């Protein structure tokens, strides 16, 4: 009876009752922490490179997302897989202004490595093409080609964004929330 009343109150008063786990990864300086705080607080302050992780809960359209922002330095990346268990979705941040071939290859390798992760087999991947406000940054078409995404073996979506202004972030979250909800029916 108590569970039924709790469900009724949740429906009537729009309290989020479902919490999904997201892991936000990407190379260092791609804008992960800036994105996390823009989504959580609606503004961006000074951020420092993330050595370990940051975690925040974000409410979006009656859903709660616990977002794990994990550092992207080369020495930290092998640890990403320890955060995958129980993950419902991935946010992969890409710095679209970084056209350095070595860095693009690193993004490619890390992104395609996700396809082989057992804990992520049903997790959709939102690829934020961040820093689109920077002159000369890659378009989503250029990014798709550079990362060979046509051969990516996961459900994914590329969303142009600017973490500093917030442009495109909620559009990406819209796709991700629908993809996760579809997978969890």
Protein backbone atom coordinates (compact mmCIF):
# COMPACT_ATOMS: atom_id res chain seq x y z
CA UNK A 1 0.00 0.00 0.00
CA UNK A 2 2.82 2.39 0.87
CA UNK A 3 4.52 1.75 -2.44
CA UNK A 4 1.27 2.47 -4.29
CA UNK A 5 0.84 5.79 -2.46
CA UNK A 6 4.45 6.69 -3.15
CA UNK A 7 3.94 6.01 -6.86
CA UNK A 8 0.74 8.12 -6.88
CA UNK A 9 2.48 11.06 -5.21
CA UNK A 10 5.35 10.76 -7.64
CA UNK A 11 3.00 10.93 -10.61
CA UNK A 12 0.92 13.77 -9.14
CA UNK A 13 3.78 15.96 -8.06
CA UNK A 14 6.30 15.15 -10.81
CA UNK A 15 8.98 13.93 -8.41
CA UNK A 16 11.70 12.05 -10.22
CA UNK A 17 11.53 8.42 -9.20
CA UNK A 18 13.90 6.84 -11.67
CA UNK A 19 17.64 7.35 -11.45
CA UNK A 20 19.93 6.38 -14.29
CA UNK A 21 23.69 6.12 -14.08
CA UNK A 22 25.74 7.95 -16.71
CA UNK A 23 29.48 7.93 -17.19
CA UNK A 24 30.96 11.02 -18.83
CA UNK A 25 34.34 10.35 -20.40
CA UNK A 26 36.59 11.86 -23.05
CA UNK A 27 40.15 13.10 -23.36
CA UNK A 28 41.48 15.70 -20.95
CA UNK A 29 40.34 19.29 -21.59
CA UNK A 30 37.33 18.21 -23.67
CA UNK A 31 34.85 19.99 -21.38
CA UNK A 32 33.45 17.20 -19.21
CA UNK A 33 33.49 19.06 -15.89
CA UNK A 34 32.26 22.29 -17.49
CA UNK A 35 29.35 20.33 -19.00
CA UNK A 36 28.55 18.66 -15.68
CA UNK A 37 28.38 21.96 -13.80
CA UNK A 38 26.48 23.73 -16.59
CA UNK A 39 23.83 20.99 -16.44
CA UNK A 40 23.76 20.85 -12.63
CA UNK A 41 23.93 24.54 -11.71
CA UNK A 42 23.10 26.34 -14.96
CA UNK A 43 26.39 28.20 -14.86
CA UNK A 44 30.08 27.54 -15.16
CA UNK A 45 32.77 28.56 -12.72
CA UNK A 46 36.48 27.87 -12.75
CA UNK A 47 37.28 24.20 -13.21
CA UNK A 48 40.52 22.34 -12.67
CA UNK A 49 41.66 19.21 -14.50
CA UNK A 50 39.86 16.22 -13.01
CA UNK A 51 42.37 13.73 -11.65
CA UNK A 52 39.82 11.28 -10.23
CA UNK A 53 36.14 11.94 -10.72
CA UNK A 54 33.26 14.30 -9.97
CA UNK A 55 29.73 13.04 -9.43
CA UNK A 56 26.47 14.99 -9.47
CA UNK A 57 22.79 14.16 -9.82
CA UNK A 58 21.00 16.01 -12.58
CA UNK A 59 17.23 16.13 -12.99
CA UNK A 60 15.92 16.23 -16.54
CA UNK A 61 12.25 15.79 -17.47
CA UNK A 62 11.24 13.82 -14.39
CA UNK A 63 14.30 11.59 -14.57
CA UNK A 64 17.34 11.66 -12.32
CA UNK A 65 20.76 11.04 -13.79
CA UNK A 66 23.73 10.34 -11.56
CA UNK A 67 26.57 11.58 -13.75
CA UNK A 68 30.12 10.37 -13.13
CA UNK A 69 32.60 12.79 -14.73
CA UNK A 70 35.85 10.86 -14.94
CA UNK A 71 39.23 12.44 -15.64
CA UNK A 72 40.56 12.06 -19.16
CA UNK A 73 44.32 12.23 -18.75
CA UNK A 74 46.16 9.38 -20.44
CA UNK A 75 47.19 7.85 -17.09
CA UNK A 76 43.56 7.84 -15.86
CA UNK A 77 41.87 6.36 -18.96
CA UNK A 78 42.69 2.71 -18.14
CA UNK A 79 40.61 3.21 -14.97
CA UNK A 80 37.45 4.22 -16.87
CA UNK A 81 36.32 0.61 -17.14
CA UNK A 82 36.04 0.35 -13.34
CA UNK A 83 33.12 2.82 -13.50
CA UNK A 84 31.12 0.99 -16.19
CA UNK A 85 29.21 -1.55 -14.09
CA UNK A 86 25.56 -0.53 -13.80
CA UNK A 87 25.91 2.25 -16.37
CA UNK A 88 22.80 3.09 -18.40
CA UNK A 89 24.41 5.55 -20.81
CA UNK A 90 27.68 7.14 -21.86
CA UNK A 91 28.43 10.77 -22.57
CA UNK A 92 31.62 11.00 -24.59
CA UNK A 93 33.01 14.54 -24.82
CA UNK A 94 35.09 15.59 -27.81
CA UNK A 95 36.94 18.89 -28.17
CA UNK A 96 35.93 19.78 -31.74
CA UNK A 97 38.54 22.55 -31.85
CA UNK A 98 41.42 20.08 -31.36
CA UNK A 99 42.37 18.93 -34.85
CA UNK A 100 45.68 17.43 -33.72
CA UNK A 101 45.95 14.06 -35.51
CA UNK A 102 47.40 12.28 -32.47
CA UNK A 103 44.53 13.47 -30.27
CA UNK A 104 41.91 12.55 -32.88
CA UNK A 105 43.41 9.06 -33.05
CA UNK A 106 43.26 8.82 -29.24
CA UNK A 107 39.58 9.84 -29.28
CA UNK A 108 38.91 7.27 -32.02
CA UNK A 109 40.62 4.48 -30.09
CA UNK A 110 38.96 5.27 -26.75
CA UNK A 111 35.53 5.61 -28.33
CA UNK A 112 35.75 2.39 -30.33
CA UNK A 113 37.08 0.55 -27.25
CA UNK A 114 33.64 1.07 -25.67
CA UNK A 115 32.10 -1.39 -28.15
CA UNK A 116 33.92 -4.29 -26.52
CA UNK A 117 32.96 -3.48 -22.93
CA UNK A 118 30.54 -6.06 -21.53
CA UNK A 119 29.01 -3.68 -18.96
CA UNK A 120 28.22 -1.18 -21.73
CA UNK A 121 26.66 -3.53 -24.27
CA UNK A 122 23.22 -1.88 -23.96
CA UNK A 123 24.37 1.63 -23.07
CA UNK A 124 23.71 4.27 -25.74
CA UNK A 125 26.51 6.76 -26.39
CA UNK A 126 25.90 10.50 -26.65
CA UNK A 127 28.91 12.10 -28.33
CA UNK A 128 29.06 15.79 -27.49
CA UNK A 129 30.97 17.63 -30.23
CA UNK A 130 31.98 20.37 -27.80
CA UNK A 131 33.59 23.79 -28.28
CA UNK A 132 31.69 24.48 -31.49
CA UNK A 133 31.93 28.19 -30.62
CA UNK A 134 35.67 28.09 -31.43
CA UNK A 135 36.54 29.22 -34.93
CA UNK A 136 37.72 26.32 -37.09
CA UNK A 137 36.17 23.61 -34.92
CA UNK A 138 35.00 20.39 -36.56
CA UNK A 139 31.42 20.03 -37.71
CA UNK A 140 29.51 16.90 -36.72
CA UNK A 141 30.05 15.56 -40.26
CA UNK A 142 33.82 16.12 -40.02
CA UNK A 143 33.87 14.49 -36.59
CA UNK A 144 31.87 11.49 -37.81
CA UNK A 145 34.37 10.97 -40.62
CA UNK A 146 37.48 11.60 -38.49
CA UNK A 147 36.34 9.06 -35.88
CA UNK A 148 35.05 6.54 -38.43
CA UNK A 149 31.71 6.46 -36.62
CA UNK A 150 29.94 4.66 -39.45
CA UNK A 151 31.72 1.54 -38.16
CA UNK A 152 30.97 2.25 -34.49
CA UNK A 153 29.05 -0.74 -33.14
CA UNK A 154 26.86 1.01 -30.60
CA UNK A 155 23.69 3.10 -30.53
CA UNK A 156 25.10 6.64 -30.71
CA UNK A 157 24.22 10.22 -31.49
CA UNK A 158 26.51 13.18 -32.23
CA UNK A 159 25.33 16.50 -30.79
CA UNK A 160 27.09 19.79 -31.45
CA UNK A 161 27.40 21.82 -28.27
CA UNK A 162 29.17 24.52 -26.33
CA UNK A 163 29.47 23.64 -22.64
CA UNK A 164 30.26 27.23 -21.66
CA UNK A 165 27.02 28.66 -23.09
CA UNK A 166 24.96 25.47 -22.72
CA UNK A 167 24.02 25.42 -26.41
CA UNK A 168 23.08 21.90 -27.50
CA UNK A 169 23.44 20.24 -24.10
CA UNK A 170 19.73 19.71 -23.49
CA UNK A 171 19.20 18.57 -27.08
CA UNK A 172 21.75 15.85 -26.41
CA UNK A 173 20.15 14.95 -23.10
CA UNK A 174 16.80 14.67 -24.87
CA UNK A 175 18.19 12.01 -27.22
CA UNK A 176 20.04 10.21 -24.42
CA UNK A 177 17.04 10.10 -22.07
CA UNK A 178 14.84 8.64 -24.85
CA UNK A 179 17.49 6.08 -25.82
CA UNK A 180 17.95 4.99 -22.19
CA UNK A 181 14.20 4.85 -21.54
CA UNK A 182 13.75 2.70 -24.66
CA UNK A 183 16.47 0.30 -23.45
CA UNK A 184 14.96 0.03 -19.97
CA UNK A 185 11.36 -0.80 -20.87
